[in-house]
Amino acid sequence: MFVQLDIDDEQVLKQLLHQVIEKIEVHQDGSIKIHYNIAHPQEMSELLQGA
């Protein structure tokens, strides 16, 4: 989702990710679940790509 953002300033990108991601769970089977602080992360991605 955020890999496609065109943000040159690494600090700005880190701050953005810290604000929108609540927590990341890594399970024993290697699967990953990301919990976002926003209701619909896919919609947010589409909005940011259109900006």
PDB file of N, CA and C in Angstrom:
ATOM      1  N   MET A   1       0.822  -1.195   0.000  1.00  0.00           N
ATOM      2  CA  MET A   1       0.000   0.000   0.000  1.00  0.00           C
ATOM      3  C   MET A   1       0.863   1.254   0.000  1.00  0.00           C
ATOM      4  N   PHE A   2       1.725   1.431   0.984  1.00  0.00           N
ATOM      5  CA  PHE A   2       2.497   2.664   1.099  1.00  0.00           C
ATOM      6  C   PHE A   2       3.788   2.636   0.285  1.00  0.00           C
ATOM      7  N   VAL A   3       4.129   1.477  -0.258  1.00  0.00           N
ATOM      8  CA  VAL A   3       5.347   1.370  -1.046  1.00  0.00           C
ATOM      9  C   VAL A   3       5.278   2.284  -2.265  1.00  0.00           C
ATOM     10  N   GLN A   4       4.088   2.564  -2.767  1.00  0.00           N
ATOM     11  CA  GLN A   4       3.924   3.368  -3.967  1.00  0.00           C
ATOM     12  C   GLN A   4       3.895   4.868  -3.692  1.00  0.00           C
ATOM     13  N   LEU A   5       3.974   5.267  -2.430  1.00  0.00           N
ATOM     14  CA  LEU A   5       3.985   6.687  -2.110  1.00  0.00           C
ATOM     15  C   LEU A   5       5.286   7.318  -2.578  1.00  0.00           C
ATOM     16  N   ASP A   6       5.213   8.496  -3.120  1.00  0.00           N
ATOM     17  CA  ASP A   6       6.392   9.193  -3.612  1.00  0.00           C
ATOM     18  C   ASP A   6       6.801  10.261  -2.592  1.00  0.00           C
ATOM     19  N   ILE A   7       7.379   9.794  -1.477  1.00  0.00           N
ATOM     20  CA  ILE A   7       7.823  10.698  -0.415  1.00  0.00           C
ATOM     21  C   ILE A   7       9.328  10.561  -0.308  1.00  0.00           C
ATOM     22  N   ASP A   8      10.037  11.624  -0.676  1.00  0.00           N
ATOM     23  CA  ASP A   8      11.496  11.590  -0.679  1.00  0.00           C
ATOM     24  C   ASP A   8      12.094  11.679   0.720  1.00  0.00           C
ATOM     25  N   ASP A   9      11.442  12.399   1.604  1.00  0.00           N
ATOM     26  CA  ASP A   9      11.952  12.608   2.955  1.00  0.00           C
ATOM     27  C   ASP A   9      11.639  11.378   3.815  1.00  0.00           C
ATOM     28  N   GLU A  10      12.672  10.624   4.170  1.00  0.00           N
ATOM     29  CA  GLU A  10      12.496   9.384   4.918  1.00  0.00           C
ATOM     30  C   GLU A  10      11.849   9.633   6.285  1.00  0.00           C
ATOM     31  N   GLN A  11      12.188  10.727   6.937  1.00  0.00           N
ATOM     32  CA  GLN A  11      11.607  11.051   8.240  1.00  0.00           C
ATOM     33  C   GLN A  11      10.101  11.290   8.117  1.00  0.00           C
ATOM     34  N   VAL A  12       9.682  11.990   7.078  1.00  0.00           N
ATOM     35  CA  VAL A  12       8.260  12.246   6.856  1.00  0.00           C
ATOM     36  C   VAL A  12       7.526  10.925   6.627  1.00  0.00           C
ATOM     37  N   LEU A  13       8.107  10.042   5.839  1.00  0.00           N
ATOM     38  CA  LEU A  13       7.496   8.742   5.576  1.00  0.00           C
ATOM     39  C   LEU A  13       7.376   7.936   6.867  1.00  0.00           C
ATOM     40  N   LYS A  14       8.427   7.915   7.680  1.00  0.00           N
ATOM     41  CA  LYS A  14       8.386   7.191   8.952  1.00  0.00           C
ATOM     42  C   LYS A  14       7.296   7.731   9.865  1.00  0.00           C
ATOM     43  N   GLN A  15       7.183   9.055   9.948  1.00  0.00           N
ATOM     44  CA  GLN A  15       6.151   9.660  10.792  1.00  0.00           C
ATOM     45  C   GLN A  15       4.761   9.299  10.294  1.00  0.00           C
ATOM     46  N   LEU A  16       4.563   9.323   8.986  1.00  0.00           N
ATOM     47  CA  LEU A  16       3.269   8.961   8.409  1.00  0.00           C
ATOM     48  C   LEU A  16       2.909   7.520   8.759  1.00  0.00           C
ATOM     49  N   LEU A  17       3.857   6.611   8.585  1.00  0.00           N
ATOM     50  CA  LEU A  17       3.593   5.201   8.871  1.00  0.00           C
ATOM     51  C   LEU A  17       3.309   4.977  10.350  1.00  0.00           C
ATOM     52  N   HIS A  18       4.028   5.665  11.232  1.00  0.00           N
ATOM     53  CA  HIS A  18       3.790   5.536  12.666  1.00  0.00           C
ATOM     54  C   HIS A  18       2.396   6.026  13.043  1.00  0.00           C
ATOM     55  N   GLN A  19       1.883   6.997  12.323  1.00  0.00           N
ATOM     56  CA  GLN A  19       0.559   7.535  12.627  1.00  0.00           C
ATOM     57  C   GLN A  19      -0.565   6.647  12.117  1.00  0.00           C
ATOM     58  N   VAL A  20      -0.383   5.984  10.989  1.00  0.00           N
ATOM     59  CA  VAL A  20      -1.487   5.205  10.413  1.00  0.00           C
ATOM     60  C   VAL A  20      -1.461   3.724  10.796  1.00  0.00           C
ATOM     61  N   ILE A  21      -0.332   3.225  11.293  1.00  0.00           N
ATOM     62  CA  ILE A  21      -0.254   1.816  11.681  1.00  0.00           C
ATOM     63  C   ILE A  21      -0.305   1.711  13.199  1.00  0.00           C
ATOM     64  N   GLU A  22      -1.304   0.983  13.682  1.00  0.00           N
ATOM     65  CA  GLU A  22      -1.446   0.780  15.131  1.00  0.00           C
ATOM     66  C   GLU A  22      -0.448  -0.257  15.629  1.00  0.00           C
ATOM     67  N   LYS A  23      -0.421  -1.429  14.968  1.00  0.00           N
ATOM     68  CA  LYS A  23       0.520  -2.480  15.342  1.00  0.00           C
ATOM     69  C   LYS A  23       0.664  -3.465  14.194  1.00  0.00           C
ATOM     70  N   ILE A  24       1.759  -4.217  14.225  1.00  0.00           N
ATOM     71  CA  ILE A  24       2.025  -5.258  13.238  1.00  0.00           C
ATOM     72  C   ILE A  24       2.231  -6.559  14.000  1.00  0.00           C
ATOM     73  N   GLU A  25       1.455  -7.584  13.647  1.00  0.00           N
ATOM     74  CA  GLU A  25       1.589  -8.893  14.267  1.00  0.00           C
ATOM     75  C   GLU A  25       2.307  -9.827  13.299  1.00  0.00           C
ATOM     76  N   VAL A  26       3.330 -10.517  13.796  1.00  0.00           N
ATOM     77  CA  VAL A  26       4.023 -11.535  13.010  1.00  0.00           C
ATOM     78  C   VAL A  26       3.774 -12.869  13.718  1.00  0.00           C
ATOM     79  N   HIS A  27       3.113 -13.780  13.026  1.00  0.00           N
ATOM     80  CA  HIS A  27       2.730 -15.064  13.609  1.00  0.00           C
ATOM     81  C   HIS A  27       3.822 -16.110  13.379  1.00  0.00           C
ATOM     82  N   GLN A  28       3.769 -17.178  14.155  1.00  0.00           N
ATOM     83  CA  GLN A  28       4.780 -18.234  14.067  1.00  0.00           C
ATOM     84  C   GLN A  28       4.857 -18.860  12.683  1.00  0.00           C
ATOM     85  N   ASP A  29       3.748 -18.867  11.949  1.00  0.00           N
ATOM     86  CA  ASP A  29       3.763 -19.458  10.609  1.00  0.00           C
ATOM     87  C   ASP A  29       4.332 -18.495   9.562  1.00  0.00           C
ATOM     88  N   GLY A  30       4.746 -17.298  10.007  1.00  0.00           N
ATOM     89  CA  GLY A  30       5.344 -16.323   9.100  1.00  0.00           C
ATOM     90  C   GLY A  30       4.350 -15.332   8.522  1.00  0.00           C
ATOM     91  N   SER A  31       3.074 -15.525   8.794  1.00  0.00           N
ATOM     92  CA  SER A  31       2.083 -14.581   8.280  1.00  0.00           C
ATOM     93  C   SER A  31       2.144 -13.277   9.071  1.00  0.00           C
ATOM     94  N   ILE A  32       1.752 -12.202   8.426  1.00  0.00           N
ATOM     95  CA  ILE A  32       1.808 -10.868   9.015  1.00  0.00           C
ATOM     96  C   ILE A  32       0.431 -10.238   8.935  1.00  0.00           C
ATOM     97  N   LYS A  33       0.009  -9.586  10.032  1.00  0.00           N
ATOM     98  CA  LYS A  33      -1.260  -8.855  10.042  1.00  0.00           C
ATOM     99  C   LYS A  33      -0.965  -7.435  10.517  1.00  0.00           C
ATOM    100  N   ILE A  34      -1.393  -6.459   9.720  1.00  0.00           N
ATOM    101  CA  ILE A  34      -1.178  -5.056  10.055  1.00  0.00           C
ATOM    102  C   ILE A  34      -2.497  -4.461  10.517  1.00  0.00           C
ATOM    103  N   HIS A  35      -2.482  -3.838  11.685  1.00  0.00           N
ATOM    104  CA  HIS A  35      -3.654  -3.165  12.240  1.00  0.00           C
ATOM    105  C   HIS A  35      -3.470  -1.666  12.022  1.00  0.00           C
ATOM    106  N   TYR A  36      -4.402  -1.050  11.306  1.00  0.00           N
ATOM    107  CA  TYR A  36      -4.310   0.367  10.968  1.00  0.00           C
ATOM    108  C   TYR A  36      -5.132   1.221  11.920  1.00  0.00           C
ATOM    109  N   ASN A  37      -4.759   2.479  12.054  1.00  0.00           N
ATOM    110  CA  ASN A  37      -5.502   3.457  12.839  1.00  0.00           C
ATOM    111  C   ASN A  37      -6.586   4.130  12.012  1.00  0.00           C
ATOM    112  N   ILE A  38      -6.771   3.681  10.785  1.00  0.00           N
ATOM    113  CA  ILE A  38      -7.778   4.268   9.903  1.00  0.00           C
ATOM    114  C   ILE A  38      -8.800   3.193   9.560  1.00  0.00           C
ATOM    115  N   ALA A  39     -10.013   3.604   9.278  1.00  0.00           N
ATOM    116  CA  ALA A  39     -11.097   2.654   9.073  1.00  0.00           C
ATOM    117  C   ALA A  39     -10.915   1.795   7.820  1.00  0.00           C
ATOM    118  N   HIS A  40     -10.520   2.407   6.700  1.00  0.00           N
ATOM    119  CA  HIS A  40     -10.423   1.683   5.432  1.00  0.00           C
ATOM    120  C   HIS A  40      -9.068   1.992   4.788  1.00  0.00           C
ATOM    121  N   PRO A  41      -8.023   1.238   5.136  1.00  0.00           N
ATOM    122  CA  PRO A  41      -6.673   1.535   4.623  1.00  0.00           C
ATOM    123  C   PRO A  41      -6.575   1.525   3.103  1.00  0.00           C
ATOM    124  N   GLN A  42      -7.334   0.667   2.413  1.00  0.00           N
ATOM    125  CA  GLN A  42      -7.265   0.625   0.954  1.00  0.00           C
ATOM    126  C   GLN A  42      -7.780   1.919   0.354  1.00  0.00           C
ATOM    127  N   GLU A  43      -8.861   2.467   0.915  1.00  0.00           N
ATOM    128  CA  GLU A  43      -9.395   3.735   0.427  1.00  0.00           C
ATOM    129  C   GLU A  43      -8.388   4.858   0.650  1.00  0.00           C
ATOM    130  N   MET A  44      -7.689   4.842   1.783  1.00  0.00           N
ATOM    131  CA  MET A  44      -6.680   5.858   2.075  1.00  0.00           C
ATOM    132  C   MET A  44      -5.551   5.782   1.057  1.00  0.00           C
ATOM    133  N   SER A  45      -5.144   4.568   0.700  1.00  0.00           N
ATOM    134  CA  SER A  45      -4.100   4.382  -0.300  1.00  0.00           C
ATOM    135  C   SER A  45      -4.513   4.974  -1.639  1.00  0.00           C
ATOM    136  N   GLU A  46      -5.758   4.746  -2.037  1.00  0.00           N
ATOM    137  CA  GLU A  46      -6.243   5.263  -3.312  1.00  0.00           C
ATOM    138  C   GLU A  46      -6.275   6.789  -3.294  1.00  0.00           C
ATOM    139  N   LEU A  47      -6.658   7.370  -2.173  1.00  0.00           N
ATOM    140  CA  LEU A  47      -6.679   8.832  -2.062  1.00  0.00           C
ATOM    141  C   LEU A  47      -5.276   9.421  -2.166  1.00  0.00           C
ATOM    142  N   LEU A  48      -4.315   8.779  -1.488  1.00  0.00           N
ATOM    143  CA  LEU A  48      -2.947   9.300  -1.492  1.00  0.00           C
ATOM    144  C   LEU A  48      -2.302   9.160  -2.874  1.00  0.00           C
ATOM    145  N   GLN A  49      -2.611   8.106  -3.597  1.00  0.00           N
ATOM    146  CA  GLN A  49      -2.046   7.917  -4.930  1.00  0.00           C
ATOM    147  C   GLN A  49      -2.590   8.921  -5.922  1.00  0.00           C
ATOM    148  N   GLY A  50      -3.804   9.374  -5.689  1.00  0.00           N
ATOM    149  CA  GLY A  50      -4.423  10.347  -6.578  1.00  0.00           C
ATOM    150  C   GLY A  50      -3.971  11.776  -6.316  1.00  0.00           C
ATOM    151  N   ALA A  51      -3.291  12.000  -5.215  1.00  0.00           N
ATOM    152  CA  ALA A  51      -2.859  13.359  -4.838  1.00  0.00           C
ATOM    153  C   ALA A  51      -1.627  13.794  -5.590  1.00  0.00           C
TER     154      ALA A  51
END
